[in-house]
């Protein structure tokens, strides 16, 4: 393990919950930001298909 000496400073019983908790908080914040700043993401989570807004004409 590259950073194995960190556990001489921070106990694993404290460090691991803090690490996992911070990852969880960051993931929730990212999901909240995407949900509040887009219109399609909440529809996607609810199972609705995305509407095609423009068609491509070839030729």
Foldseek 3Di string as FASTA:
>chain_A
DVPVCVCVVPPCVPVVVVVVVVVVVVVVVVVVVVVVPDDVPVVVVVPHDDDDDDDDDDD
